[in-house]
């Protein structure tokens, strides 16, 4: 019964992708052979295929018009009711569903599901042949079986597949997490699906706050975030930090500085920050936190579960454990857009298959990279820098700890920089220590002004001006 329910959920997820996502539909179009189990799903799937054949795009809200036209002529009342109920779940969310669609993952999912259905049908046919002693017919079915090639590992003839080339160029879509101002230009497109980004800094430099900042901004933009606390902080500590950011106020009463602007000129040693003062007469309570959490969900206009926080004791969570949890959530219909791990250095590496400490680290970072590729999500983590970084003004590639191969596995490594003077004033400098596909300079920093009491290291940002 659970398997049947799971398969039905998978079928609906793929079908929704065909309705709202042109990329998904364009790939499935060439492989379409009514591969769903149910009659109604194949019917809606065929409507999508026909629409794409004519207009070269997904039908989105047009599917309702197609349904109305068909339902006015058919006598299959039961199927009419099922399709109507399914389309009602999509409501007027077609544009949001398109933006939130994990295209590549849905294509991978469709490949596995269509092959599963095809094998089940083949198995039924072969069993029927055997029941009738038609052995030759059963063997013929086996020999003529062809796997449906979709998604990763399917094999592409690059010079003959214009669709594959088109999809490769369309794949550089908007980043999953968007920032305004200088920080937005700093990150660019790097916070994208299939990306693996890490922050590097000495201890107590604000790595967890930076990860929470990214998680919160992703939630504001209706992305699904899986946040794994690997042992540096307890569940209660993590929830308190998340509530501070959600409430937009400090935990304790008092008067606090809130930055309203930041500027940095090359002829001045420090950035110039303007503040406003705000006073809080009471400590943050759980009741106020709960109220702000409900207001936050109302503001972003969704009832979906966007955040899954999973907290574990130090050195007990492995990459395999993360993958198992992601798979379990995925089977229930919840697939993470962004996976955040706080942080990679304290993961359990005992199952890495090697005795060398450096090789264990390398294997762990390879597996973290694979998570971004398997689930077509953005993976973000943090790592400690070496002892020399405490003296350095700005992080560089030479400040890695334990194993330099970490830098080889990420699509981007960001240094968190802060002098004692900058720490007093709430200033951070971020720089690219490594960046795949785009040019960068380690010495080039973006300046941010924030206040950790508000859980926000980047309220304002700027670049250095001449």
Protein backbone atom coordinates (compact mmCIF):
# COMPACT_ATOMS: atom_id res chain seq x y z
CA UNK A 1 0.00 0.00 0.00
CA UNK A 2 2.87 2.41 0.87
CA UNK A 3 4.62 1.55 -2.40
CA UNK A 4 1.41 2.19 -4.38
CA UNK A 5 0.95 5.57 -2.65
CA UNK A 6 4.60 6.50 -3.27
CA UNK A 7 4.33 5.56 -6.95
CA UNK A 8 1.15 7.62 -7.29
CA UNK A 9 2.96 10.60 -5.74
CA UNK A 10 5.89 10.17 -8.13
CA UNK A 11 3.50 10.01 -11.07
CA UNK A 12 1.85 13.29 -10.02
CA UNK A 13 5.20 15.02 -9.54
CA UNK A 14 6.35 14.08 -13.04
CA UNK A 15 2.98 15.03 -14.53
CA UNK A 16 3.10 18.42 -12.78
CA UNK A 17 6.57 18.93 -14.29
CA UNK A 18 5.19 18.19 -17.76
CA UNK A 19 2.43 20.77 -17.24
CA UNK A 20 4.56 23.67 -15.91
CA UNK A 21 8.18 23.04 -16.98
CA UNK A 22 9.14 23.41 -20.64
CA UNK A 23 12.57 21.87 -20.07
CA UNK A 24 11.05 18.71 -18.56
CA UNK A 25 8.46 18.45 -21.30
CA UNK A 26 10.96 19.01 -24.11
CA UNK A 27 13.11 16.10 -22.87
CA UNK A 28 10.19 13.72 -22.21
CA UNK A 29 8.59 14.63 -25.54
CA UNK A 30 10.96 12.46 -27.60
CA UNK A 31 10.56 9.45 -25.27
CA UNK A 32 6.80 9.60 -24.75
CA UNK A 33 4.94 6.29 -25.07
CA UNK A 34 2.18 6.61 -22.46
CA UNK A 35 4.54 5.44 -19.69
CA UNK A 36 2.33 6.27 -16.70
CA UNK A 37 0.39 3.53 -14.92
CA UNK A 38 -2.99 5.21 -14.78
CA UNK A 39 -5.21 6.03 -17.72
CA UNK A 40 -5.90 9.58 -16.54
CA UNK A 41 -2.18 10.41 -16.15
CA UNK A 42 -1.44 9.17 -19.66
CA UNK A 43 -4.34 11.25 -20.95
CA UNK A 44 -3.07 14.47 -19.32
CA UNK A 45 0.49 13.58 -20.34
CA UNK A 46 -0.63 13.28 -23.96
CA UNK A 47 -2.30 16.70 -23.77
CA UNK A 48 1.06 18.14 -22.65
CA UNK A 49 2.92 16.39 -25.47
CA UNK A 50 0.43 17.60 -28.08
CA UNK A 51 0.64 21.15 -26.73
CA UNK A 52 4.46 21.09 -26.85
CA UNK A 53 4.43 19.68 -30.40
CA UNK A 54 2.33 22.66 -31.51
CA UNK A 55 3.72 25.52 -29.39
CA UNK A 56 7.14 24.27 -28.14
CA UNK A 57 6.37 25.17 -24.52
CA UNK A 58 4.64 23.72 -21.48
CA UNK A 59 0.86 24.29 -21.34
CA UNK A 60 0.73 25.65 -17.74
CA UNK A 61 -2.73 27.20 -17.20
CA UNK A 62 -3.80 26.23 -20.75
CA UNK A 63 -4.16 22.68 -19.44
CA UNK A 64 -7.41 23.75 -17.79
CA UNK A 65 -8.88 24.83 -21.12
CA UNK A 66 -7.81 21.54 -22.71
CA UNK A 67 -9.45 19.66 -19.83
CA UNK A 68 -12.69 21.65 -20.09
CA UNK A 69 -12.90 20.96 -23.82
CA UNK A 70 -12.30 17.23 -23.32
CA UNK A 71 -14.59 16.84 -20.29
CA UNK A 72 -17.54 18.42 -22.14
CA UNK A 73 -17.42 15.59 -24.68
CA UNK A 74 -16.52 12.50 -22.63
CA UNK A 75 -18.75 10.20 -20.63
CA UNK A 76 -15.93 8.95 -18.36
CA UNK A 77 -17.16 10.73 -15.24
CA UNK A 78 -14.75 8.96 -12.89
CA UNK A 79 -11.69 10.10 -14.86
CA UNK A 80 -13.16 13.61 -15.17
CA UNK A 81 -13.41 13.78 -11.37
CA UNK A 82 -9.84 12.54 -10.83
CA UNK A 83 -8.31 15.01 -13.32
CA UNK A 84 -10.40 17.89 -11.97
CA UNK A 85 -9.21 17.14 -8.43
CA UNK A 86 -5.58 16.97 -9.60
CA UNK A 87 -5.74 20.26 -11.52
CA UNK A 88 -7.39 21.90 -8.50
CA UNK A 89 -4.21 21.18 -6.50
CA UNK A 90 -2.27 23.25 -9.04
CA UNK A 91 -4.83 26.06 -8.78
CA UNK A 92 -3.31 29.32 -10.05
CA UNK A 93 0.23 28.40 -8.95
CA UNK A 94 1.52 27.58 -12.44
CA UNK A 95 4.11 30.38 -12.54
CA UNK A 96 5.36 29.63 -9.01
CA UNK A 97 5.49 25.91 -9.76
CA UNK A 98 7.57 26.61 -12.85
CA UNK A 99 10.07 28.72 -10.89
CA UNK A 100 10.29 26.11 -8.14
CA UNK A 101 10.60 23.14 -10.50
CA UNK A 102 13.81 21.12 -10.18
CA UNK A 103 13.91 20.27 -13.90
CA UNK A 104 16.93 17.97 -14.05
CA UNK A 105 15.87 16.02 -10.99
CA UNK A 106 12.36 15.51 -12.40
CA UNK A 107 13.90 14.23 -15.64
CA UNK A 108 16.05 11.76 -13.69
CA UNK A 109 12.98 10.75 -11.67
CA UNK A 110 10.93 10.27 -14.84
CA UNK A 111 13.64 8.05 -16.34
CA UNK A 112 13.63 5.75 -13.30
CA UNK A 113 9.84 5.73 -12.98
CA UNK A 114 9.12 5.10 -16.67
CA UNK A 115 11.58 2.20 -16.69
CA UNK A 116 9.99 0.80 -13.53
CA UNK A 117 6.52 0.91 -15.11
CA UNK A 118 7.84 -0.57 -18.35
CA UNK A 119 9.55 -3.44 -16.48
CA UNK A 120 6.39 -4.13 -14.47
CA UNK A 121 4.35 -4.34 -17.69
CA UNK A 122 7.02 -6.55 -19.23
CA UNK A 123 6.98 -8.80 -16.18
CA UNK A 124 3.19 -9.18 -16.38
CA UNK A 125 3.40 -10.02 -20.09
CA UNK A 126 6.19 -12.57 -19.56
CA UNK A 127 4.29 -14.20 -16.70
CA UNK A 128 1.26 -14.47 -18.99
CA UNK A 129 3.39 -16.12 -21.67
CA UNK A 130 4.82 -18.60 -19.15
CA UNK A 131 1.35 -19.42 -17.83
CA UNK A 132 0.43 -20.38 -21.39
CA UNK A 133 3.79 -22.16 -21.96
CA UNK A 134 4.71 -19.61 -24.66
CA UNK A 135 8.40 -19.66 -23.70
CA UNK A 136 9.67 -18.41 -27.09
CA UNK A 137 7.33 -15.44 -26.89
CA UNK A 138 8.62 -14.63 -23.37
CA UNK A 139 12.24 -14.82 -24.56
CA UNK A 140 11.40 -12.57 -27.51
CA UNK A 141 9.94 -9.95 -25.18
CA UNK A 142 13.11 -10.01 -23.06
CA UNK A 143 15.41 -9.67 -26.08
CA UNK A 144 13.38 -6.80 -27.54
CA UNK A 145 13.25 -4.84 -24.29
CA UNK A 146 14.89 -1.41 -24.54
CA UNK A 147 15.66 0.75 -21.53
CA UNK A 148 14.30 4.29 -21.65
CA UNK A 149 17.31 6.61 -21.61
CA UNK A 150 16.56 9.79 -19.68
CA UNK A 151 18.53 12.03 -17.33
CA UNK A 152 22.03 11.47 -16.01
CA UNK A 153 24.07 8.75 -17.66
CA UNK A 154 21.71 8.40 -20.61
CA UNK A 155 24.40 9.16 -23.19
CA UNK A 156 24.28 12.11 -25.61
CA UNK A 157 25.51 12.40 -29.19
CA UNK A 158 26.45 16.05 -28.77
CA UNK A 159 26.95 16.80 -32.47
CA UNK A 160 23.58 15.34 -33.46
CA UNK A 161 21.40 16.35 -30.53
CA UNK A 162 20.35 20.00 -30.91
CA UNK A 163 18.00 19.67 -27.94
CA UNK A 164 20.91 18.70 -25.66
CA UNK A 165 22.92 21.72 -26.82
CA UNK A 166 19.91 24.00 -26.34
CA UNK A 167 19.33 22.71 -22.80
CA UNK A 168 23.01 23.18 -21.90
CA UNK A 169 22.77 26.87 -22.79
CA UNK A 170 19.39 27.34 -21.11
CA UNK A 171 20.69 25.63 -17.96
CA UNK A 172 22.40 28.80 -16.64
CA UNK A 173 19.21 29.98 -14.99
CA UNK A 174 18.63 32.39 -12.16
CA UNK A 175 20.50 31.53 -8.95
CA UNK A 176 18.48 29.71 -6.30
CA UNK A 177 19.32 32.40 -3.74
CA UNK A 178 19.31 36.01 -4.85
CA UNK A 179 20.82 38.99 -3.06
CA UNK A 180 20.40 42.70 -3.74
CA UNK A 181 23.17 45.24 -4.20
CA UNK A 182 26.88 44.55 -4.11
CA UNK A 183 26.45 41.15 -2.44
CA UNK A 184 24.18 40.09 -5.29
CA UNK A 185 26.85 41.03 -7.83
CA UNK A 186 29.47 39.23 -5.73
CA UNK A 187 27.58 35.92 -5.70
CA UNK A 188 26.39 36.27 -9.31
CA UNK A 189 25.10 32.93 -10.63
CA UNK A 190 27.21 30.79 -8.30
CA UNK A 191 24.38 29.88 -5.92
CA UNK A 192 22.79 27.66 -8.57
CA UNK A 193 21.51 24.11 -8.90
CA UNK A 194 24.28 21.50 -9.10
CA UNK A 195 26.56 23.93 -7.24
CA UNK A 196 28.76 23.10 -4.25
CA UNK A 197 29.83 26.21 -2.32
CA UNK A 198 31.80 26.37 0.93
CA UNK A 199 32.75 29.15 3.34
CA UNK A 200 36.28 29.08 4.76
CA UNK A 201 37.32 30.94 7.93
CA UNK A 202 38.99 30.50 11.32
CA UNK A 203 36.81 29.35 14.20
CA UNK A 204 34.32 31.79 15.74
CA UNK A 205 34.28 33.91 12.56
CA UNK A 206 30.52 33.62 11.98
CA UNK A 207 30.34 30.62 9.63
CA UNK A 208 27.08 29.32 11.12
CA UNK A 209 25.47 32.75 10.93
CA UNK A 210 26.47 33.00 7.26
CA UNK A 211 24.88 29.61 6.58
CA UNK A 212 21.70 30.64 8.44
CA UNK A 213 21.66 33.89 6.44
CA UNK A 214 21.68 31.93 3.16
CA UNK A 215 19.03 29.53 4.46
CA UNK A 216 16.72 32.35 5.53
CA UNK A 217 17.05 34.22 2.24
CA UNK A 218 16.32 30.99 0.37
CA UNK A 219 13.17 30.45 2.45
CA UNK A 220 12.08 34.04 1.70
CA UNK A 221 12.33 33.09 -1.98
CA UNK A 222 10.21 29.93 -1.42
CA UNK A 223 13.03 27.43 -1.86
CA UNK A 224 13.06 24.14 0.04
CA UNK A 225 16.01 24.04 2.45
CA UNK A 226 17.43 20.99 4.24
CA UNK A 227 19.67 22.25 7.07
CA UNK A 228 21.92 19.68 8.74
CA UNK A 229 23.57 20.72 12.01
CA UNK A 230 26.39 18.19 12.34
CA UNK A 231 27.26 18.81 15.98
CA UNK A 232 28.61 22.32 16.40
CA UNK A 233 25.21 23.46 17.71
CA UNK A 234 22.29 21.72 19.42
CA UNK A 235 18.75 21.73 18.07
CA UNK A 236 17.60 24.29 20.67
CA UNK A 237 20.53 26.57 19.85
CA UNK A 238 19.79 26.32 16.12
CA UNK A 239 16.08 27.04 16.61
CA UNK A 240 16.85 30.08 18.76
CA UNK A 241 19.17 31.45 16.07
CA UNK A 242 16.57 30.85 13.37
CA UNK A 243 13.90 32.57 15.47
CA UNK A 244 16.16 35.59 16.06
CA UNK A 245 16.49 35.98 12.30
CA UNK A 246 12.78 35.36 11.69
CA UNK A 247 11.71 37.83 14.37
CA UNK A 248 14.26 40.36 13.10
CA UNK A 249 15.31 41.31 16.62
CA UNK A 250 17.86 40.38 19.29
CA UNK A 251 17.32 37.72 21.93
CA UNK A 252 17.99 40.12 24.82
CA UNK A 253 16.46 43.49 25.66
CA UNK A 254 18.61 46.59 25.23
CA UNK A 255 19.64 49.22 22.71
CA UNK A 256 21.21 48.05 19.44
CA UNK A 257 22.86 49.57 16.38
CA UNK A 258 21.29 48.75 13.03
CA UNK A 259 23.40 49.58 9.93
CA UNK A 260 21.56 51.63 7.30
CA UNK A 261 24.46 52.15 4.87
CA UNK A 262 28.08 51.14 4.26
CA UNK A 263 30.73 52.71 2.02
CA UNK A 264 34.40 51.91 1.50
CA UNK A 265 36.79 54.26 -0.25
CA UNK A 266 40.29 53.19 -1.27
CA UNK A 267 41.90 56.15 0.49
CA UNK A 268 40.40 55.12 3.85
CA UNK A 269 41.49 52.16 5.93
CA UNK A 270 38.04 51.22 7.23
CA UNK A 271 34.55 51.16 5.80
CA UNK A 272 32.19 53.98 6.79
CA UNK A 273 28.92 52.79 8.32
CA UNK A 274 25.84 54.80 9.24
CA UNK A 275 23.60 53.35 11.95
CA UNK A 276 20.24 53.89 13.54
CA UNK A 277 19.51 52.92 17.12
CA UNK A 278 16.64 50.74 18.24
CA UNK A 279 15.66 49.84 21.78
CA UNK A 280 13.98 46.63 22.92
CA UNK A 281 12.38 46.60 26.36
CA UNK A 282 11.76 42.84 26.57
CA UNK A 283 13.66 39.68 25.76
CA UNK A 284 12.52 37.66 22.75
CA UNK A 285 9.93 35.07 23.89
CA UNK A 286 8.81 31.86 22.27
CA UNK A 287 5.31 33.35 21.86
CA UNK A 288 6.66 36.31 19.88
CA UNK A 289 8.86 33.93 17.87
CA UNK A 290 5.88 31.73 17.01
CA UNK A 291 3.83 34.79 15.98
CA UNK A 292 6.66 36.02 13.72
CA UNK A 293 7.07 32.54 12.22
CA UNK A 294 3.38 32.50 11.23
CA UNK A 295 3.69 36.02 9.81
CA UNK A 296 6.72 34.93 7.81
CA UNK A 297 4.85 32.01 6.22
CA UNK A 298 1.92 34.29 5.41
CA UNK A 299 4.26 36.86 3.86
CA UNK A 300 5.83 34.38 1.44
CA UNK A 301 2.35 33.03 0.57
CA UNK A 302 2.82 29.31 0.98
CA UNK A 303 1.59 26.51 3.22
CA UNK A 304 4.35 24.19 2.06
CA UNK A 305 6.97 22.83 4.40
CA UNK A 306 10.04 24.73 3.22
CA UNK A 307 12.56 23.95 5.99
CA UNK A 308 13.74 20.67 7.44
CA UNK A 309 16.21 21.09 10.31
CA UNK A 310 18.10 17.93 11.25
CA UNK A 311 20.45 18.17 14.25
CA UNK A 312 23.01 15.51 15.27
CA UNK A 313 25.73 15.08 17.91
CA UNK A 314 29.28 15.84 16.83
CA UNK A 315 30.84 13.27 14.46
CA UNK A 316 27.71 11.08 14.23
CA UNK A 317 26.29 12.39 10.94
CA UNK A 318 27.87 11.07 7.74
CA UNK A 319 27.29 12.01 4.11
CA UNK A 320 25.59 8.62 3.74
CA UNK A 321 23.24 9.59 6.59
CA UNK A 322 22.47 12.89 4.87
CA UNK A 323 21.76 11.06 1.62
CA UNK A 324 19.46 8.58 3.38
CA UNK A 325 17.44 11.40 4.93
CA UNK A 326 17.23 13.29 1.64
CA UNK A 327 16.04 10.12 -0.09
CA UNK A 328 13.46 9.45 2.62
CA UNK A 329 12.08 12.99 2.33
CA UNK A 330 12.14 12.77 -1.45
CA UNK A 331 10.04 9.59 -1.42
CA UNK A 332 7.41 11.50 0.56
CA UNK A 333 7.36 14.20 -2.12
CA UNK A 334 9.72 16.73 -0.49
CA UNK A 335 12.91 17.36 -2.50
CA UNK A 336 15.45 19.90 -1.23
CA UNK A 337 16.50 22.76 -3.49
CA UNK A 338 19.31 23.69 -1.11
CA UNK A 339 21.22 21.43 1.29
CA UNK A 340 23.20 23.23 4.02
CA UNK A 341 25.64 21.36 6.25
CA UNK A 342 27.05 23.05 9.36
CA UNK A 343 29.72 21.98 8.84
CA UNK A 344 31.75 19.50 6.74
CA UNK A 345 34.77 19.16 9.05
CA UNK A 346 32.77 17.54 11.89
CA UNK A 347 30.94 14.95 9.81
CA UNK A 348 31.44 11.28 10.64
CA UNK A 349 34.09 10.05 8.18
CA UNK A 350 34.54 6.53 9.60
CA UNK A 351 32.68 4.91 6.67
CA UNK A 352 34.81 6.55 3.98
CA UNK A 353 36.64 3.29 3.20
CA UNK A 354 40.16 4.52 3.94
CA UNK A 355 42.46 4.75 6.99
CA UNK A 356 44.23 7.95 5.96
CA UNK A 357 42.77 11.08 7.63
CA UNK A 358 43.46 13.22 4.56
CA UNK A 359 41.89 10.64 2.26
CA UNK A 360 38.83 10.48 4.53
CA UNK A 361 38.43 14.23 4.16
CA UNK A 362 38.87 14.04 0.41
CA UNK A 363 36.30 11.23 0.11
CA UNK A 364 33.82 13.17 2.27
CA UNK A 365 34.09 16.25 0.07
CA UNK A 366 33.72 14.12 -3.06
CA UNK A 367 30.52 12.65 -1.63
CA UNK A 368 29.22 16.12 -0.73
CA UNK A 369 29.81 17.16 -4.32
CA UNK A 370 27.87 14.12 -5.53
CA UNK A 371 24.83 15.18 -3.47
CA UNK A 372 24.53 18.33 -5.58
CA UNK A 373 24.69 16.24 -8.74
CA UNK A 374 22.30 13.46 -7.65
CA UNK A 375 19.56 15.78 -6.40
CA UNK A 376 20.38 18.70 -8.73
CA UNK A 377 20.43 20.95 -5.70
CA UNK A 378 22.78 23.55 -4.26
CA UNK A 379 25.00 22.20 -1.47
CA UNK A 380 26.50 24.75 0.94
CA UNK A 381 28.86 24.04 3.81
CA UNK A 382 31.74 25.57 5.76
CA UNK A 383 35.26 24.56 6.70
CA UNK A 384 37.93 25.71 9.15
CA UNK A 385 40.99 27.45 7.75
CA UNK A 386 44.52 26.77 8.99
CA UNK A 387 46.43 28.42 11.84
CA UNK A 388 48.10 30.95 9.50
CA UNK A 389 44.69 32.37 8.58
CA UNK A 390 44.37 33.97 12.03
CA UNK A 391 47.12 36.41 11.04
CA UNK A 392 45.93 36.95 7.47
CA UNK A 393 43.85 39.98 6.52
CA UNK A 394 42.26 38.15 3.58
CA UNK A 395 41.78 34.40 2.98
CA UNK A 396 43.63 32.73 0.10
CA UNK A 397 43.91 29.24 -1.40
CA UNK A 398 46.91 28.58 0.84
CA UNK A 399 44.77 28.79 4.01
CA UNK A 400 43.06 25.43 3.55
CA UNK A 401 43.15 23.02 6.50
CA UNK A 402 44.06 19.30 6.36
CA UNK A 403 43.68 18.62 2.63
CA UNK A 404 43.92 21.03 -0.30
CA UNK A 405 41.73 18.75 -2.44
CA UNK A 406 38.69 20.31 -0.75
CA UNK A 407 39.12 23.29 -3.05
CA UNK A 408 39.15 21.00 -6.09
CA UNK A 409 35.70 19.59 -5.33
CA UNK A 410 33.78 22.82 -4.77
CA UNK A 411 32.32 25.03 -7.49
CA UNK A 412 33.10 27.97 -5.23
CA UNK A 413 35.01 28.65 -1.99
CA UNK A 414 34.33 31.89 -0.12
CA UNK A 415 36.64 33.42 2.46
CA UNK A 416 35.08 35.13 5.51
CA UNK A 417 37.46 37.95 6.48
CA UNK A 418 37.37 40.20 9.51
CA UNK A 419 39.98 42.15 11.47
CA UNK A 420 39.42 42.87 15.18
CA UNK A 421 38.48 46.45 14.28
CA UNK A 422 35.97 45.21 11.71
CA UNK A 423 34.54 42.74 14.21
CA UNK A 424 33.85 45.56 16.67
CA UNK A 425 31.96 47.46 13.94
CA UNK A 426 30.06 44.47 12.50
CA UNK A 427 31.92 44.46 9.18
CA UNK A 428 32.66 41.34 7.14
CA UNK A 429 34.65 41.03 3.93
CA UNK A 430 33.86 38.12 1.62
CA UNK A 431 36.21 37.07 -1.17
CA UNK A 432 36.35 34.23 -3.66
CA UNK A 433 39.12 31.81 -2.74
CA UNK A 434 38.14 29.54 -5.63
CA UNK A 435 35.50 29.88 -8.32
CA UNK A 436 34.75 27.52 -11.18
CA UNK A 437 33.80 28.76 -14.68
CA UNK A 438 34.30 32.47 -13.92
CA UNK A 439 37.34 34.70 -13.39
CA UNK A 440 38.00 36.01 -9.90
CA UNK A 441 40.65 37.75 -7.81
CA UNK A 442 41.34 36.61 -4.25
CA UNK A 443 42.12 40.18 -3.20
CA UNK A 444 38.75 41.52 -4.41
CA UNK A 445 36.27 41.74 -1.50
CA UNK A 446 32.67 42.71 -0.96
CA UNK A 447 32.09 44.56 2.33
CA UNK A 448 29.00 43.89 4.44
CA UNK A 449 27.60 45.58 7.52
CA UNK A 450 25.45 43.56 9.88
CA UNK A 451 24.69 42.84 13.49
CA UNK A 452 24.95 39.30 14.78
CA UNK A 453 22.48 40.08 17.56
CA UNK A 454 19.89 40.25 14.77
CA UNK A 455 21.24 37.07 13.16
CA UNK A 456 22.20 39.00 10.04
CA UNK A 457 25.82 39.43 8.94
CA UNK A 458 24.88 41.26 5.73
CA UNK A 459 22.22 43.94 6.20
CA UNK A 460 24.06 46.26 3.80
CA UNK A 461 26.86 45.67 1.31
CA UNK A 462 29.27 47.59 -0.94
CA UNK A 463 32.43 47.30 -3.03
CA UNK A 464 35.49 49.46 -2.54
CA UNK A 465 35.41 52.73 -4.48
CA UNK A 466 38.31 54.79 -5.82
